[in-house]
């Protein structure tokens, strides 16, 4: 049976939510411009809707649980191993998917770079928490 620390999962999910929220606050104006949103519409789009925030927290909890299983299965017990796993997962999933969206869906590469870097920071923060806080 896997020994999963559910407190670490909760902490990792909250950390991912906070980090990602901050990331998109910092890059919101650039994202709106890349998406062709007019400045007067930006104010309405920047207001978070409660159901979206709740959905994002649930997504973060699911992701944290899946990552925790990887941490346990791969016996990661320090931040170095956590960072290595995070980089490999980032390359294999978000980066590959976002490059595909640039190639096939004409998503601006700068917009994809904002999303990709958010995923990198989110994965690393979650995995470091999960890797260090195993007990």
C-alpha atoms as a PDB file:
ATOM      1  CA  UNK A   1       0.000   0.000   0.000  1.00  0.00           C
ATOM      2  CA  UNK A   2       1.244   3.467  -0.870  1.00  0.00           C
ATOM      3  CA  UNK A   3       2.061   5.760   2.040  1.00  0.00           C
ATOM      4  CA  UNK A   4       0.642   9.039   0.861  1.00  0.00           C
ATOM      5  CA  UNK A   5       0.699  12.160   3.022  1.00  0.00           C
ATOM      6  CA  UNK A   6      -2.699  13.780   2.521  1.00  0.00           C
ATOM      7  CA  UNK A   7      -1.661  16.929   4.389  1.00  0.00           C
ATOM      8  CA  UNK A   8       1.152  17.359   1.853  1.00  0.00           C
ATOM      9  CA  UNK A   9      -1.365  16.881  -0.962  1.00  0.00           C
ATOM     10  CA  UNK A  10      -3.517  19.658   0.488  1.00  0.00           C
ATOM     11  CA  UNK A  11      -0.513  21.938   0.937  1.00  0.00           C
ATOM     12  CA  UNK A  12       0.713  21.218  -2.596  1.00  0.00           C
ATOM     13  CA  UNK A  13      -2.735  21.942  -4.053  1.00  0.00           C
ATOM     14  CA  UNK A  14      -2.994  25.241  -2.182  1.00  0.00           C
ATOM     15  CA  UNK A  15       0.550  26.172  -3.219  1.00  0.00           C
ATOM     16  CA  UNK A  16      -0.233  25.406  -6.867  1.00  0.00           C
ATOM     17  CA  UNK A  17      -3.410  27.482  -6.706  1.00  0.00           C
ATOM     18  CA  UNK A  18      -1.602  30.442  -5.127  1.00  0.00           C
ATOM     19  CA  UNK A  19       1.430  30.251  -7.431  1.00  0.00           C
ATOM     20  CA  UNK A  20      -0.690  29.889 -10.549  1.00  0.00           C
ATOM     21  CA  UNK A  21      -3.018  32.699  -9.519  1.00  0.00           C
ATOM     22  CA  UNK A  22      -0.046  34.977  -8.955  1.00  0.00           C
ATOM     23  CA  UNK A  23       1.472  33.912 -12.254  1.00  0.00           C
ATOM     24  CA  UNK A  24      -1.631  34.819 -14.222  1.00  0.00           C
ATOM     25  CA  UNK A  25      -2.079  38.097 -12.339  1.00  0.00           C
ATOM     26  CA  UNK A  26       1.451  39.094 -13.345  1.00  0.00           C
ATOM     27  CA  UNK A  27       0.957  38.062 -16.970  1.00  0.00           C
ATOM     28  CA  UNK A  28      -2.743  38.949 -17.377  1.00  0.00           C
ATOM     29  CA  UNK A  29      -2.215  42.089 -19.454  1.00  0.00           C
ATOM     30  CA  UNK A  30       0.196  40.326 -21.802  1.00  0.00           C
ATOM     31  CA  UNK A  31      -2.208  37.422 -22.160  1.00  0.00           C
ATOM     32  CA  UNK A  32      -5.135  39.685 -22.974  1.00  0.00           C
ATOM     33  CA  UNK A  33      -3.133  41.481 -25.648  1.00  0.00           C
ATOM     34  CA  UNK A  34      -1.986  38.182 -27.164  1.00  0.00           C
ATOM     35  CA  UNK A  35      -5.597  36.997 -27.245  1.00  0.00           C
ATOM     36  CA  UNK A  36      -6.759  40.229 -28.870  1.00  0.00           C
ATOM     37  CA  UNK A  37      -8.942  41.332 -25.949  1.00  0.00           C
ATOM     38  CA  UNK A  38      -9.696  45.049 -25.921  1.00  0.00           C
ATOM     39  CA  UNK A  39      -8.653  47.052 -22.827  1.00  0.00           C
ATOM     40  CA  UNK A  40     -12.253  47.898 -21.846  1.00  0.00           C
ATOM     41  CA  UNK A  41     -13.137  44.184 -21.785  1.00  0.00           C
ATOM     42  CA  UNK A  42     -10.084  43.307 -19.663  1.00  0.00           C
ATOM     43  CA  UNK A  43     -11.673  44.459 -16.389  1.00  0.00           C
ATOM     44  CA  UNK A  44     -14.603  42.062 -16.783  1.00  0.00           C
ATOM     45  CA  UNK A  45     -12.377  39.139 -17.776  1.00  0.00           C
ATOM     46  CA  UNK A  46     -10.057  39.612 -14.782  1.00  0.00           C
ATOM     47  CA  UNK A  47     -12.873  39.100 -12.252  1.00  0.00           C
ATOM     48  CA  UNK A  48     -12.607  35.513 -11.001  1.00  0.00           C
ATOM     49  CA  UNK A  49     -15.826  33.537 -10.968  1.00  0.00           C
ATOM     50  CA  UNK A  50     -16.340  31.421  -7.823  1.00  0.00           C
ATOM     51  CA  UNK A  51     -17.158  28.208  -9.709  1.00  0.00           C
ATOM     52  CA  UNK A  52     -13.975  28.534 -11.755  1.00  0.00           C
ATOM     53  CA  UNK A  53     -11.905  29.056  -8.621  1.00  0.00           C
ATOM     54  CA  UNK A  54     -13.482  26.004  -6.991  1.00  0.00           C
ATOM     55  CA  UNK A  55     -12.882  23.946 -10.129  1.00  0.00           C
ATOM     56  CA  UNK A  56      -9.252  25.036 -10.152  1.00  0.00           C
ATOM     57  CA  UNK A  57      -8.802  23.974  -6.528  1.00  0.00           C
ATOM     58  CA  UNK A  58     -10.305  20.561  -7.327  1.00  0.00           C
ATOM     59  CA  UNK A  59      -7.996  20.243 -10.343  1.00  0.00           C
ATOM     60  CA  UNK A  60      -5.037  21.106  -8.137  1.00  0.00           C
ATOM     61  CA  UNK A  61      -6.057  18.488  -5.576  1.00  0.00           C
ATOM     62  CA  UNK A  62      -6.348  15.817  -8.267  1.00  0.00           C
ATOM     63  CA  UNK A  63      -2.979  16.771  -9.737  1.00  0.00           C
ATOM     64  CA  UNK A  64      -1.363  16.802  -6.278  1.00  0.00           C
ATOM     65  CA  UNK A  65      -2.710  13.314  -5.568  1.00  0.00           C
ATOM     66  CA  UNK A  66      -1.400  11.937  -8.870  1.00  0.00           C
ATOM     67  CA  UNK A  67       1.989  13.567  -8.285  1.00  0.00           C
ATOM     68  CA  UNK A  68       2.087  12.199  -4.737  1.00  0.00           C
ATOM     69  CA  UNK A  69       1.656   8.692  -6.130  1.00  0.00           C
ATOM     70  CA  UNK A  70       4.617   9.267  -8.459  1.00  0.00           C
ATOM     71  CA  UNK A  71       6.685  10.592  -5.564  1.00  0.00           C
ATOM     72  CA  UNK A  72       5.971   7.497  -3.494  1.00  0.00           C
ATOM     73  CA  UNK A  73       6.370   5.009  -6.356  1.00  0.00           C
ATOM     74  CA  UNK A  74       9.682   6.580  -7.418  1.00  0.00           C
ATOM     75  CA  UNK A  75      10.833   6.937  -3.792  1.00  0.00           C
ATOM     76  CA  UNK A  76      11.548  10.642  -4.039  1.00  0.00           C
ATOM     77  CA  UNK A  77      12.561  11.977  -0.641  1.00  0.00           C
ATOM     78  CA  UNK A  78      14.325  15.283  -1.336  1.00  0.00           C
ATOM     79  CA  UNK A  79      13.944  18.448  -3.334  1.00  0.00           C
ATOM     80  CA  UNK A  80      16.555  17.426  -5.926  1.00  0.00           C
ATOM     81  CA  UNK A  81      14.619  14.327  -6.950  1.00  0.00           C
ATOM     82  CA  UNK A  82      11.390  16.315  -6.889  1.00  0.00           C
ATOM     83  CA  UNK A  83      12.823  18.962  -9.226  1.00  0.00           C
ATOM     84  CA  UNK A  84      14.157  16.302 -11.601  1.00  0.00           C
ATOM     85  CA  UNK A  85      10.764  14.596 -11.753  1.00  0.00           C
ATOM     86  CA  UNK A  86       9.053  17.951 -12.245  1.00  0.00           C
ATOM     87  CA  UNK A  87      11.261  18.882 -15.174  1.00  0.00           C
ATOM     88  CA  UNK A  88      10.724  15.507 -16.881  1.00  0.00           C
ATOM     89  CA  UNK A  89       6.967  15.636 -16.351  1.00  0.00           C
ATOM     90  CA  UNK A  90       6.876  19.212 -17.629  1.00  0.00           C
ATOM     91  CA  UNK A  91       8.799  18.310 -20.787  1.00  0.00           C
ATOM     92  CA  UNK A  92       6.707  15.209 -21.420  1.00  0.00           C
ATOM     93  CA  UNK A  93       3.266  16.698 -20.893  1.00  0.00           C
ATOM     94  CA  UNK A  94       2.535  20.457 -20.717  1.00  0.00           C
ATOM     95  CA  UNK A  95       5.447  21.479 -22.938  1.00  0.00           C
ATOM     96  CA  UNK A  96       4.672  18.885 -25.613  1.00  0.00           C
ATOM     97  CA  UNK A  97       0.956  19.720 -25.550  1.00  0.00           C
ATOM     98  CA  UNK A  98       1.525  23.464 -25.724  1.00  0.00           C
ATOM     99  CA  UNK A  99       3.995  23.159 -28.603  1.00  0.00           C
ATOM    100  CA  UNK A 100       1.274  21.213 -30.405  1.00  0.00           C
ATOM    101  CA  UNK A 101      -1.194  24.040 -29.820  1.00  0.00           C
ATOM    102  CA  UNK A 102       1.289  26.499 -31.308  1.00  0.00           C
ATOM    103  CA  UNK A 103       1.899  24.282 -34.340  1.00  0.00           C
ATOM    104  CA  UNK A 104      -1.632  23.134 -35.085  1.00  0.00           C
ATOM    105  CA  UNK A 105      -4.002  25.657 -33.513  1.00  0.00           C
ATOM    106  CA  UNK A 106      -2.095  28.872 -34.256  1.00  0.00           C
ATOM    107  CA  UNK A 107      -1.802  29.783 -30.588  1.00  0.00           C
ATOM    108  CA  UNK A 108       0.765  32.591 -30.252  1.00  0.00           C
ATOM    109  CA  UNK A 109       4.028  31.151 -28.970  1.00  0.00           C
ATOM    110  CA  UNK A 110       4.269  33.873 -26.322  1.00  0.00           C
ATOM    111  CA  UNK A 111       0.877  32.877 -24.931  1.00  0.00           C
ATOM    112  CA  UNK A 112       1.916  29.221 -24.918  1.00  0.00           C
ATOM    113  CA  UNK A 113       5.154  30.231 -23.171  1.00  0.00           C
ATOM    114  CA  UNK A 114       3.157  31.920 -20.391  1.00  0.00           C
ATOM    115  CA  UNK A 115       1.110  28.763 -19.883  1.00  0.00           C
ATOM    116  CA  UNK A 116       4.159  26.485 -20.139  1.00  0.00           C
ATOM    117  CA  UNK A 117       6.117  28.475 -17.585  1.00  0.00           C
ATOM    118  CA  UNK A 118       3.115  28.464 -15.246  1.00  0.00           C
ATOM    119  CA  UNK A 119       3.022  24.667 -15.517  1.00  0.00           C
ATOM    120  CA  UNK A 120       6.738  24.422 -14.793  1.00  0.00           C
ATOM    121  CA  UNK A 121       6.496  26.569 -11.672  1.00  0.00           C
ATOM    122  CA  UNK A 122       3.317  24.800 -10.547  1.00  0.00           C
ATOM    123  CA  UNK A 123       4.767  21.302 -11.000  1.00  0.00           C
ATOM    124  CA  UNK A 124       8.030  22.190  -9.282  1.00  0.00           C
ATOM    125  CA  UNK A 125       6.322  23.809  -6.294  1.00  0.00           C
ATOM    126  CA  UNK A 126       3.957  20.877  -5.854  1.00  0.00           C
ATOM    127  CA  UNK A 127       6.622  18.212  -6.248  1.00  0.00           C
ATOM    128  CA  UNK A 128       9.070  19.875  -3.878  1.00  0.00           C
ATOM    129  CA  UNK A 129       6.363  19.984  -1.203  1.00  0.00           C
ATOM    130  CA  UNK A 130       5.365  16.380  -1.872  1.00  0.00           C
ATOM    131  CA  UNK A 131       8.946  15.128  -2.084  1.00  0.00           C
ATOM    132  CA  UNK A 132      10.223  16.813   1.049  1.00  0.00           C
ATOM    133  CA  UNK A 133       7.097  16.236   3.132  1.00  0.00           C
ATOM    134  CA  UNK A 134       6.809  12.467   2.764  1.00  0.00           C
ATOM    135  CA  UNK A 135       6.173  11.534   6.396  1.00  0.00           C
END
